[in-house]
Amino acid sequence: MKVLKKPLRREQAERMMADDGGYIHGTVPVDIDYLINNDLEHFLDLLSRLLTGTELLQDITYKVVGHEEGGTLYLEVSGNPSEALEFMETKSPRDWSPREKD
């Protein structure tokens, strides 16, 4: 599975939106302690920041797609980035590289 090391760039999100009906998606790591110690709103804000670099992702869905010993969960996150796009980074996609995770 490909795990994001950085939030998606605006250009990546725009391409993904064109291909996926206006939504973006990616797999992100989340420490289980964060889930235990925070409420749903803070958790969704974290998922938004990990995927877009902002807290503006809308209509967020997620599912567990993997885990590591020690408490890291890998979540596949999707959502509508319409509100987030103007605030997302715009650097070259080569600055982004997913980490392969078995």
PDB file of N, CA and C in Angstrom:
ATOM      1  N   MET A   1       0.842  -1.172   0.000  1.00  0.00           N
ATOM      2  CA  MET A   1       0.000   0.000   0.000  1.00  0.00           C
ATOM      3  C   MET A   1       0.890   1.238   0.000  1.00  0.00           C
ATOM      4  N   LYS A   2       0.442   2.285  -0.642  1.00  0.00           N
ATOM      5  CA  LYS A   2       1.181   3.545  -0.671  1.00  0.00           C
ATOM      6  C   LYS A   2       0.677   4.429   0.466  1.00  0.00           C
ATOM      7  N   VAL A   3       1.599   4.864   1.318  1.00  0.00           N
ATOM      8  CA  VAL A   3       1.257   5.708   2.458  1.00  0.00           C
ATOM      9  C   VAL A   3       1.805   7.106   2.191  1.00  0.00           C
ATOM     10  N   LEU A   4       0.969   8.109   2.334  1.00  0.00           N
ATOM     11  CA  LEU A   4       1.413   9.479   2.103  1.00  0.00           C
ATOM     12  C   LEU A   4       2.404   9.910   3.172  1.00  0.00           C
ATOM     13  N   LYS A   5       3.504  10.511   2.739  1.00  0.00           N
ATOM     14  CA  LYS A   5       4.472  11.096   3.664  1.00  0.00           C
ATOM     15  C   LYS A   5       4.184  12.575   3.874  1.00  0.00           C
ATOM     16  N   LYS A   6       3.519  13.186   2.890  1.00  0.00           N
ATOM     17  CA  LYS A   6       3.157  14.602   2.913  1.00  0.00           C
ATOM     18  C   LYS A   6       1.737  14.719   2.379  1.00  0.00           C
ATOM     19  N   PRO A   7       1.063  15.823   2.724  1.00  0.00           N
ATOM     20  CA  PRO A   7      -0.270  16.035   2.132  1.00  0.00           C
ATOM     21  C   PRO A   7      -0.173  16.136   0.610  1.00  0.00           C
ATOM     22  N   LEU A   8      -1.268  15.823  -0.046  1.00  0.00           N
ATOM     23  CA  LEU A   8      -1.333  15.978  -1.491  1.00  0.00           C
ATOM     24  C   LEU A   8      -1.131  17.449  -1.867  1.00  0.00           C
ATOM     25  N   ARG A   9      -0.550  17.689  -3.016  1.00  0.00           N
ATOM     26  CA  ARG A   9      -0.424  19.032  -3.573  1.00  0.00           C
ATOM     27  C   ARG A   9      -1.704  19.356  -4.339  1.00  0.00           C
ATOM     28  N   ARG A  10      -1.933  20.652  -4.540  1.00  0.00           N
ATOM     29  CA  ARG A  10      -3.150  21.083  -5.233  1.00  0.00           C
ATOM     30  C   ARG A  10      -3.279  20.412  -6.607  1.00  0.00           C
ATOM     31  N   GLU A  11      -2.189  20.349  -7.356  1.00  0.00           N
ATOM     32  CA  GLU A  11      -2.239  19.759  -8.691  1.00  0.00           C
ATOM     33  C   GLU A  11      -2.636  18.286  -8.642  1.00  0.00           C
ATOM     34  N   GLN A  12      -2.123  17.581  -7.665  1.00  0.00           N
ATOM     35  CA  GLN A  12      -2.478  16.170  -7.501  1.00  0.00           C
ATOM     36  C   GLN A  12      -3.958  16.034  -7.184  1.00  0.00           C
ATOM     37  N   ALA A  13      -4.446  16.877  -6.280  1.00  0.00           N
ATOM     38  CA  ALA A  13      -5.854  16.831  -5.890  1.00  0.00           C
ATOM     39  C   ALA A  13      -6.755  17.140  -7.079  1.00  0.00           C
ATOM     40  N   GLU A  14      -6.379  18.125  -7.875  1.00  0.00           N
ATOM     41  CA  GLU A  14      -7.204  18.487  -9.033  1.00  0.00           C
ATOM     42  C   GLU A  14      -7.274  17.341 -10.039  1.00  0.00           C
ATOM     43  N   ARG A  15      -6.143  16.672 -10.281  1.00  0.00           N
ATOM     44  CA  ARG A  15      -6.150  15.519 -11.195  1.00  0.00           C
ATOM     45  C   ARG A  15      -7.018  14.396 -10.631  1.00  0.00           C
ATOM     46  N   MET A  16      -6.865  14.137  -9.341  1.00  0.00           N
ATOM     47  CA  MET A  16      -7.623  13.068  -8.707  1.00  0.00           C
ATOM     48  C   MET A  16      -9.117  13.386  -8.738  1.00  0.00           C
ATOM     49  N   MET A  17      -9.473  14.646  -8.499  1.00  0.00           N
ATOM     50  CA  MET A  17     -10.886  15.050  -8.524  1.00  0.00           C
ATOM     51  C   MET A  17     -11.488  14.811  -9.905  1.00  0.00           C
ATOM     52  N   ALA A  18     -10.726  15.108 -10.949  1.00  0.00           N
ATOM     53  CA  ALA A  18     -11.218  14.907 -12.312  1.00  0.00           C
ATOM     54  C   ALA A  18     -11.469  13.431 -12.588  1.00  0.00           C
ATOM     55  N   ASP A  19     -10.637  12.573 -12.021  1.00  0.00           N
ATOM     56  CA  ASP A  19     -10.762  11.131 -12.246  1.00  0.00           C
ATOM     57  C   ASP A  19     -11.773  10.461 -11.322  1.00  0.00           C
ATOM     58  N   ASP A  20     -12.012  11.036 -10.140  1.00  0.00           N
ATOM     59  CA  ASP A  20     -12.816  10.368  -9.112  1.00  0.00           C
ATOM     60  C   ASP A  20     -14.055  11.154  -8.691  1.00  0.00           C
ATOM     61  N   GLY A  21     -14.679  11.842  -9.613  1.00  0.00           N
ATOM     62  CA  GLY A  21     -15.953  12.489  -9.325  1.00  0.00           C
ATOM     63  C   GLY A  21     -15.904  13.589  -8.282  1.00  0.00           C
ATOM     64  N   GLY A  22     -14.813  14.327  -8.223  1.00  0.00           N
ATOM     65  CA  GLY A  22     -14.723  15.452  -7.303  1.00  0.00           C
ATOM     66  C   GLY A  22     -14.154  15.120  -5.938  1.00  0.00           C
ATOM     67  N   TYR A  23     -13.736  13.886  -5.738  1.00  0.00           N
ATOM     68  CA  TYR A  23     -13.189  13.464  -4.450  1.00  0.00           C
ATOM     69  C   TYR A  23     -11.707  13.132  -4.578  1.00  0.00           C
ATOM     70  N   ILE A  24     -11.007  13.189  -3.457  1.00  0.00           N
ATOM     71  CA  ILE A  24      -9.614  12.766  -3.391  1.00  0.00           C
ATOM     72  C   ILE A  24      -9.501  11.651  -2.360  1.00  0.00           C
ATOM     73  N   HIS A  25      -8.385  10.930  -2.401  1.00  0.00           N
ATOM     74  CA  HIS A  25      -8.198   9.843  -1.442  1.00  0.00           C
ATOM     75  C   HIS A  25      -6.713   9.581  -1.266  1.00  0.00           C
ATOM     76  N   GLY A  26      -6.379   8.952  -0.162  1.00  0.00           N
ATOM     77  CA  GLY A  26      -5.009   8.565   0.120  1.00  0.00           C
ATOM     78  C   GLY A  26      -4.955   7.793   1.415  1.00  0.00           C
ATOM     79  N   THR A  27      -3.853   7.087   1.619  1.00  0.00           N
ATOM     80  CA  THR A  27      -3.650   6.311   2.846  1.00  0.00           C
ATOM     81  C   THR A  27      -2.697   7.072   3.750  1.00  0.00           C
ATOM     82  N   VAL A  28      -3.104   7.251   4.994  1.00  0.00           N
ATOM     83  CA  VAL A  28      -2.320   8.037   5.959  1.00  0.00           C
ATOM     84  C   VAL A  28      -2.112   7.240   7.246  1.00  0.00           C
ATOM     85  N   PRO A  29      -0.989   7.500   7.943  1.00  0.00           N
ATOM     86  CA  PRO A  29      -0.748   6.838   9.227  1.00  0.00           C
ATOM     87  C   PRO A  29      -1.351   7.658  10.372  1.00  0.00           C
ATOM     88  N   VAL A  30      -1.968   6.975  11.321  1.00  0.00           N
ATOM     89  CA  VAL A  30      -2.532   7.641  12.497  1.00  0.00           C
ATOM     90  C   VAL A  30      -2.165   6.821  13.728  1.00  0.00           C
ATOM     91  N   ASP A  31      -1.647   7.490  14.737  1.00  0.00           N
ATOM     92  CA  ASP A  31      -1.297   6.827  15.991  1.00  0.00           C
ATOM     93  C   ASP A  31      -2.580   6.537  16.766  1.00  0.00           C
ATOM     94  N   ILE A  32      -2.738   5.310  17.212  1.00  0.00           N
ATOM     95  CA  ILE A  32      -3.960   4.933  17.928  1.00  0.00           C
ATOM     96  C   ILE A  32      -4.158   5.768  19.195  1.00  0.00           C
ATOM     97  N   ASP A  33      -3.072   6.224  19.819  1.00  0.00           N
ATOM     98  CA  ASP A  33      -3.190   7.093  20.991  1.00  0.00           C
ATOM     99  C   ASP A  33      -3.946   8.376  20.652  1.00  0.00           C
ATOM    100  N   TYR A  34      -3.753   8.879  19.428  1.00  0.00           N
ATOM    101  CA  TYR A  34      -4.469  10.089  19.009  1.00  0.00           C
ATOM    102  C   TYR A  34      -5.973   9.824  19.001  1.00  0.00           C
ATOM    103  N   LEU A  35      -6.360   8.650  18.526  1.00  0.00           N
ATOM    104  CA  LEU A  35      -7.785   8.297  18.500  1.00  0.00           C
ATOM    105  C   LEU A  35      -8.366   8.215  19.907  1.00  0.00           C
ATOM    106  N   ILE A  36      -7.610   7.636  20.805  1.00  0.00           N
ATOM    107  CA  ILE A  36      -8.088   7.439  22.169  1.00  0.00           C
ATOM    108  C   ILE A  36      -8.207   8.762  22.916  1.00  0.00           C
ATOM    109  N   ASN A  37      -7.282   9.670  22.670  1.00  0.00           N
ATOM    110  CA  ASN A  37      -7.206  10.909  23.445  1.00  0.00           C
ATOM    111  C   ASN A  37      -7.939  12.101  22.839  1.00  0.00           C
ATOM    112  N   ASN A  38      -8.617  11.936  21.709  1.00  0.00           N
ATOM    113  CA  ASN A  38      -9.294  13.053  21.059  1.00  0.00           C
ATOM    114  C   ASN A  38     -10.706  12.675  20.657  1.00  0.00           C
ATOM    115  N   ASP A  39     -11.523  13.714  20.407  1.00  0.00           N
ATOM    116  CA  ASP A  39     -12.898  13.476  19.975  1.00  0.00           C
ATOM    117  C   ASP A  39     -12.966  13.362  18.449  1.00  0.00           C
ATOM    118  N   LEU A  40     -14.155  13.075  17.939  1.00  0.00           N
ATOM    119  CA  LEU A  40     -14.343  12.852  16.511  1.00  0.00           C
ATOM    120  C   LEU A  40     -13.951  14.073  15.688  1.00  0.00           C
ATOM    121  N   GLU A  41     -14.306  15.259  16.126  1.00  0.00           N
ATOM    122  CA  GLU A  41     -13.989  16.477  15.369  1.00  0.00           C
ATOM    123  C   GLU A  41     -12.477  16.643  15.193  1.00  0.00           C
ATOM    124  N   HIS A  42     -11.719  16.437  16.270  1.00  0.00           N
ATOM    125  CA  HIS A  42     -10.260  16.552  16.182  1.00  0.00           C
ATOM    126  C   HIS A  42      -9.675  15.452  15.286  1.00  0.00           C
ATOM    127  N   PHE A  43     -10.252  14.266  15.362  1.00  0.00           N
ATOM    128  CA  PHE A  43      -9.805  13.162  14.520  1.00  0.00           C
ATOM    129  C   PHE A  43     -10.024  13.484  13.040  1.00  0.00           C
ATOM    130  N   LEU A  44     -11.206  13.992  12.690  1.00  0.00           N
ATOM    131  CA  LEU A  44     -11.481  14.347  11.299  1.00  0.00           C
ATOM    132  C   LEU A  44     -10.599  15.494  10.831  1.00  0.00           C
ATOM    133  N   ASP A  45     -10.326  16.456  11.716  1.00  0.00           N
ATOM    134  CA  ASP A  45      -9.393  17.544  11.371  1.00  0.00           C
ATOM    135  C   ASP A  45      -8.002  16.988  11.078  1.00  0.00           C
ATOM    136  N   LEU A  46      -7.557  16.014  11.867  1.00  0.00           N
ATOM    137  CA  LEU A  46      -6.256  15.390  11.625  1.00  0.00           C
ATOM    138  C   LEU A  46      -6.228  14.707  10.260  1.00  0.00           C
ATOM    139  N   LEU A  47      -7.264  13.937   9.948  1.00  0.00           N
ATOM    140  CA  LEU A  47      -7.313  13.268   8.651  1.00  0.00           C
ATOM    141  C   LEU A  47      -7.268  14.277   7.513  1.00  0.00           C
ATOM    142  N   SER A  48      -7.984  15.370   7.661  1.00  0.00           N
ATOM    143  CA  SER A  48      -7.973  16.424   6.648  1.00  0.00           C
ATOM    144  C   SER A  48      -6.579  17.020   6.491  1.00  0.00           C
ATOM    145  N   ARG A  49      -5.900  17.320   7.606  1.00  0.00           N
ATOM    146  CA  ARG A  49      -4.543  17.879   7.550  1.00  0.00           C
ATOM    147  C   ARG A  49      -3.562  16.911   6.902  1.00  0.00           C
ATOM    148  N   LEU A  50      -3.687  15.627   7.222  1.00  0.00           N
ATOM    149  CA  LEU A  50      -2.776  14.639   6.652  1.00  0.00           C
ATOM    150  C   LEU A  50      -2.965  14.490   5.142  1.00  0.00           C
ATOM    151  N   LEU A  51      -4.203  14.634   4.670  1.00  0.00           N
ATOM    152  CA  LEU A  51      -4.480  14.457   3.244  1.00  0.00           C
ATOM    153  C   LEU A  51      -4.323  15.746   2.439  1.00  0.00           C
ATOM    154  N   THR A  52      -4.696  16.901   3.031  1.00  0.00           N
ATOM    155  CA  THR A  52      -4.699  18.158   2.263  1.00  0.00           C
ATOM    156  C   THR A  52      -3.782  19.238   2.814  1.00  0.00           C
ATOM    157  N   GLY A  53      -3.315  19.085   4.049  1.00  0.00           N
ATOM    158  CA  GLY A  53      -2.537  20.149   4.671  1.00  0.00           C
ATOM    159  C   GLY A  53      -3.422  21.234   5.259  1.00  0.00           C
ATOM    160  N   THR A  54      -4.737  21.038   5.221  1.00  0.00           N
ATOM    161  CA  THR A  54      -5.701  21.987   5.776  1.00  0.00           C
ATOM    162  C   THR A  54      -6.738  21.219   6.596  1.00  0.00           C
ATOM    163  N   GLU A  55      -7.595  21.945   7.287  1.00  0.00           N
ATOM    164  CA  GLU A  55      -8.701  21.313   8.010  1.00  0.00           C
ATOM    165  C   GLU A  55     -10.015  21.488   7.254  1.00  0.00           C
ATOM    166  N   LEU A  56      -9.939  21.692   5.943  1.00  0.00           N
ATOM    167  CA  LEU A  56     -11.112  22.058   5.156  1.00  0.00           C
ATOM    168  C   LEU A  56     -11.680  20.937   4.289  1.00  0.00           C
ATOM    169  N   LEU A  57     -11.158  19.733   4.398  1.00  0.00           N
ATOM    170  CA  LEU A  57     -11.704  18.610   3.638  1.00  0.00           C
ATOM    171  C   LEU A  57     -13.128  18.333   4.125  1.00  0.00           C
ATOM    172  N   GLN A  58     -14.047  18.122   3.201  1.00  0.00           N
ATOM    173  CA  GLN A  58     -15.454  17.891   3.538  1.00  0.00           C
ATOM    174  C   GLN A  58     -15.859  16.467   3.191  1.00  0.00           C
ATOM    175  N   ASP A  59     -16.958  16.016   3.789  1.00  0.00           N
ATOM    176  CA  ASP A  59     -17.539  14.712   3.484  1.00  0.00           C
ATOM    177  C   ASP A  59     -16.494  13.594   3.623  1.00  0.00           C
ATOM    178  N   ILE A  60     -15.790  13.597   4.747  1.00  0.00           N
ATOM    179  CA  ILE A  60     -14.685  12.661   4.983  1.00  0.00           C
ATOM    180  C   ILE A  60     -15.209  11.264   5.306  1.00  0.00           C
ATOM    181  N   THR A  61     -14.607  10.279   4.626  1.00  0.00           N
ATOM    182  CA  THR A  61     -14.828   8.877   4.979  1.00  0.00           C
ATOM    183  C   THR A  61     -13.459   8.244   5.185  1.00  0.00           C
ATOM    184  N   TYR A  62     -13.432   7.164   5.952  1.00  0.00           N
ATOM    185  CA  TYR A  62     -12.158   6.493   6.227  1.00  0.00           C
ATOM    186  C   TYR A  62     -12.415   5.035   6.556  1.00  0.00           C
ATOM    187  N   LYS A  63     -11.385   4.232   6.312  1.00  0.00           N
ATOM    188  CA  LYS A  63     -11.436   2.833   6.730  1.00  0.00           C
ATOM    189  C   LYS A  63     -10.015   2.378   7.026  1.00  0.00           C
ATOM    190  N   VAL A  64      -9.899   1.460   7.972  1.00  0.00           N
ATOM    191  CA  VAL A  64      -8.597   0.900   8.331  1.00  0.00           C
ATOM    192  C   VAL A  64      -8.176  -0.065   7.226  1.00  0.00           C
ATOM    193  N   VAL A  65      -6.944   0.146   6.717  1.00  0.00           N
ATOM    194  CA  VAL A  65      -6.428  -0.731   5.661  1.00  0.00           C
ATOM    195  C   VAL A  65      -5.140  -1.433   6.091  1.00  0.00           C
ATOM    196  N   GLY A  66      -4.682  -1.153   7.314  1.00  0.00           N
ATOM    197  CA  GLY A  66      -3.487  -1.811   7.824  1.00  0.00           C
ATOM    198  C   GLY A  66      -3.120  -1.284   9.195  1.00  0.00           C
ATOM    199  N   HIS A  67      -2.122  -1.917   9.801  1.00  0.00           N
ATOM    200  CA  HIS A  67      -1.653  -1.473  11.115  1.00  0.00           C
ATOM    201  C   HIS A  67      -0.235  -1.974  11.323  1.00  0.00           C
ATOM    202  N   GLU A  68       0.420  -1.372  12.301  1.00  0.00           N
ATOM    203  CA  GLU A  68       1.762  -1.782  12.711  1.00  0.00           C
ATOM    204  C   GLU A  68       1.749  -2.057  14.196  1.00  0.00           C
ATOM    205  N   GLU A  69       2.595  -2.969  14.608  1.00  0.00           N
ATOM    206  CA  GLU A  69       2.771  -3.183  16.030  1.00  0.00           C
ATOM    207  C   GLU A  69       3.277  -1.876  16.625  1.00  0.00           C
ATOM    208  N   GLY A  70       2.777  -1.515  17.778  1.00  0.00           N
ATOM    209  CA  GLY A  70       3.185  -0.261  18.386  1.00  0.00           C
ATOM    210  C   GLY A  70       2.108   0.802  18.296  1.00  0.00           C
ATOM    211  N   GLY A  71       1.046   0.547  17.533  1.00  0.00           N
ATOM    212  CA  GLY A  71      -0.087   1.448  17.583  1.00  0.00           C
ATOM    213  C   GLY A  71      -0.338   2.339  16.386  1.00  0.00           C
ATOM    214  N   THR A  72       0.324   2.116  15.267  1.00  0.00           N
ATOM    215  CA  THR A  72       0.034   2.918  14.083  1.00  0.00           C
ATOM    216  C   THR A  72      -1.017   2.221  13.234  1.00  0.00           C
ATOM    217  N   LEU A  73      -2.092   2.963  12.927  1.00  0.00           N
ATOM    218  CA  LEU A  73      -3.116   2.471  12.016  1.00  0.00           C
ATOM    219  C   LEU A  73      -2.928   3.154  10.674  1.00  0.00           C
ATOM    220  N   TYR A  74      -3.196   2.445   9.608  1.00  0.00           N
ATOM    221  CA  TYR A  74      -3.170   3.035   8.270  1.00  0.00           C
ATOM    222  C   TYR A  74      -4.610   3.139   7.801  1.00  0.00           C
ATOM    223  N   LEU A  75      -5.020   4.371   7.528  1.00  0.00           N
ATOM    224  CA  LEU A  75      -6.399   4.642   7.143  1.00  0.00           C
ATOM    225  C   LEU A  75      -6.461   5.136   5.712  1.00  0.00           C
ATOM    226  N   GLU A  76      -7.363   4.570   4.933  1.00  0.00           N
ATOM    227  CA  GLU A  76      -7.660   5.107   3.613  1.00  0.00           C
ATOM    228  C   GLU A  76      -8.720   6.183   3.820  1.00  0.00           C
ATOM    229  N   VAL A  77      -8.362   7.404   3.461  1.00  0.00           N
ATOM    230  CA  VAL A  77      -9.214   8.568   3.700  1.00  0.00           C
ATOM    231  C   VAL A  77      -9.662   9.124   2.360  1.00  0.00           C
ATOM    232  N   SER A  78     -10.925   9.535   2.271  1.00  0.00           N
ATOM    233  CA  SER A  78     -11.396  10.223   1.077  1.00  0.00           C
ATOM    234  C   SER A  78     -12.290  11.374   1.506  1.00  0.00           C
ATOM    235  N   GLY A  79     -12.427  12.332   0.603  1.00  0.00           N
ATOM    236  CA  GLY A  79     -13.283  13.468   0.890  1.00  0.00           C
ATOM    237  C   GLY A  79     -13.309  14.447  -0.265  1.00  0.00           C
ATOM    238  N   ASN A  80     -14.140  15.454  -0.107  1.00  0.00           N
ATOM    239  CA  ASN A  80     -14.303  16.504  -1.104  1.00  0.00           C
ATOM    240  C   ASN A  80     -13.410  17.682  -0.714  1.00  0.00           C
ATOM    241  N   PRO A  81     -12.406  18.005  -1.552  1.00  0.00           N
ATOM    242  CA  PRO A  81     -11.460  19.070  -1.203  1.00  0.00           C
ATOM    243  C   PRO A  81     -11.822  20.457  -1.745  1.00  0.00           C
ATOM    244  N   SER A  82     -13.044  20.651  -2.212  1.00  0.00           N
ATOM    245  CA  SER A  82     -13.403  21.916  -2.853  1.00  0.00           C
ATOM    246  C   SER A  82     -13.015  23.138  -2.026  1.00  0.00           C
ATOM    247  N   GLU A  83     -13.303  23.110  -0.743  1.00  0.00           N
ATOM    248  CA  GLU A  83     -12.991  24.250   0.134  1.00  0.00           C
ATOM    249  C   GLU A  83     -11.497  24.359   0.425  1.00  0.00           C
ATOM    250  N   ALA A  84     -10.782  23.241   0.355  1.00  0.00           N
ATOM    251  CA  ALA A  84      -9.359  23.205   0.722  1.00  0.00           C
ATOM    252  C   ALA A  84      -8.428  23.602  -0.419  1.00  0.00           C
ATOM    253  N   LEU A  85      -8.879  23.469  -1.660  1.00  0.00           N
ATOM    254  CA  LEU A  85      -7.984  23.620  -2.811  1.00  0.00           C
ATOM    255  C   LEU A  85      -7.173  24.900  -2.800  1.00  0.00           C
ATOM    256  N   GLU A  86      -7.808  26.032  -2.545  1.00  0.00           N
ATOM    257  CA  GLU A  86      -7.076  27.290  -2.632  1.00  0.00           C
ATOM    258  C   GLU A  86      -5.999  27.434  -1.563  1.00  0.00           C
ATOM    259  N   PHE A  87      -6.045  26.617  -0.527  1.00  0.00           N
ATOM    260  CA  PHE A  87      -5.064  26.690   0.556  1.00  0.00           C
ATOM    261  C   PHE A  87      -4.007  25.588   0.488  1.00  0.00           C
ATOM    262  N   MET A  88      -4.158  24.680  -0.463  1.00  0.00           N
ATOM    263  CA  MET A  88      -3.214  23.565  -0.573  1.00  0.00           C
ATOM    264  C   MET A  88      -1.930  24.027  -1.240  1.00  0.00           C
ATOM    265  N   GLU A  89      -0.826  23.388  -0.868  1.00  0.00           N
ATOM    266  CA  GLU A  89       0.480  23.689  -1.462  1.00  0.00           C
ATOM    267  C   GLU A  89       0.441  23.437  -2.963  1.00  0.00           C
ATOM    268  N   THR A  90       1.298  24.177  -3.686  1.00  0.00           N
ATOM    269  CA  THR A  90       1.291  24.052  -5.150  1.00  0.00           C
ATOM    270  C   THR A  90       2.650  23.675  -5.719  1.00  0.00           C
ATOM    271  N   LYS A  91       3.518  23.101  -4.923  1.00  0.00           N
ATOM    272  CA  LYS A  91       4.844  22.721  -5.417  1.00  0.00           C
ATOM    273  C   LYS A  91       4.749  21.533  -6.355  1.00  0.00           C
ATOM    274  N   SER A  92       5.821  21.272  -7.042  1.00  0.00           N
ATOM    275  CA  SER A  92       5.905  20.208  -8.030  1.00  0.00           C
ATOM    276  C   SER A  92       5.560  18.850  -7.436  1.00  0.00           C
ATOM    277  N   PRO A  93       4.826  18.003  -8.184  1.00  0.00           N
ATOM    278  CA  PRO A  93       4.512  16.656  -7.698  1.00  0.00           C
ATOM    279  C   PRO A  93       5.750  15.824  -7.390  1.00  0.00           C
ATOM    280  N   ARG A  94       6.894  16.147  -7.970  1.00  0.00           N
ATOM    281  CA  ARG A  94       8.085  15.351  -7.664  1.00  0.00           C
ATOM    282  C   ARG A  94       8.527  15.536  -6.208  1.00  0.00           C
ATOM    283  N   ASP A  95       8.017  16.593  -5.537  1.00  0.00           N
ATOM    284  CA  ASP A  95       8.313  16.797  -4.119  1.00  0.00           C
ATOM    285  C   ASP A  95       7.555  15.798  -3.249  1.00  0.00           C
ATOM    286  N   TRP A  96       6.612  15.096  -3.829  1.00  0.00           N
ATOM    287  CA  TRP A  96       5.767  14.152  -3.116  1.00  0.00           C
ATOM    288  C   TRP A  96       6.141  12.752  -3.532  1.00  0.00           C
ATOM    289  N   SER A  97       6.386  11.910  -2.575  1.00  0.00           N
ATOM    290  CA  SER A  97       6.622  10.508  -2.920  1.00  0.00           C
ATOM    291  C   SER A  97       6.016   9.625  -1.858  1.00  0.00           C
ATOM    292  N   PRO A  98       5.119   8.740  -2.246  1.00  0.00           N
ATOM    293  CA  PRO A  98       4.511   7.840  -1.261  1.00  0.00           C
ATOM    294  C   PRO A  98       5.535   6.834  -0.750  1.00  0.00           C
ATOM    295  N   ARG A  99       5.343   6.416   0.463  1.00  0.00           N
ATOM    296  CA  ARG A  99       6.185   5.384   1.073  1.00  0.00           C
ATOM    297  C   ARG A  99       5.490   4.047   0.871  1.00  0.00           C
ATOM    298  N   GLU A 100       6.192   3.111   0.348  1.00  0.00           N
ATOM    299  CA  GLU A 100       5.617   1.773   0.170  1.00  0.00           C
ATOM    300  C   GLU A 100       5.573   1.079   1.526  1.00  0.00           C
ATOM    301  N   LYS A 101       4.469   0.469   1.841  1.00  0.00           N
ATOM    302  CA  LYS A 101       4.294  -0.252   3.101  1.00  0.00           C
ATOM    303  C   LYS A 101       3.701  -1.612   2.808  1.00  0.00           C
ATOM    304  N   ASP A 102       4.318  -2.661   3.323  1.00  0.00           N
ATOM    305  CA  ASP A 102       3.810  -4.021   3.092  1.00  0.00           C
ATOM    306  C   ASP A 102       2.593  -4.284   3.932  1.00  0.00           C
TER     307      ASP A 102
END
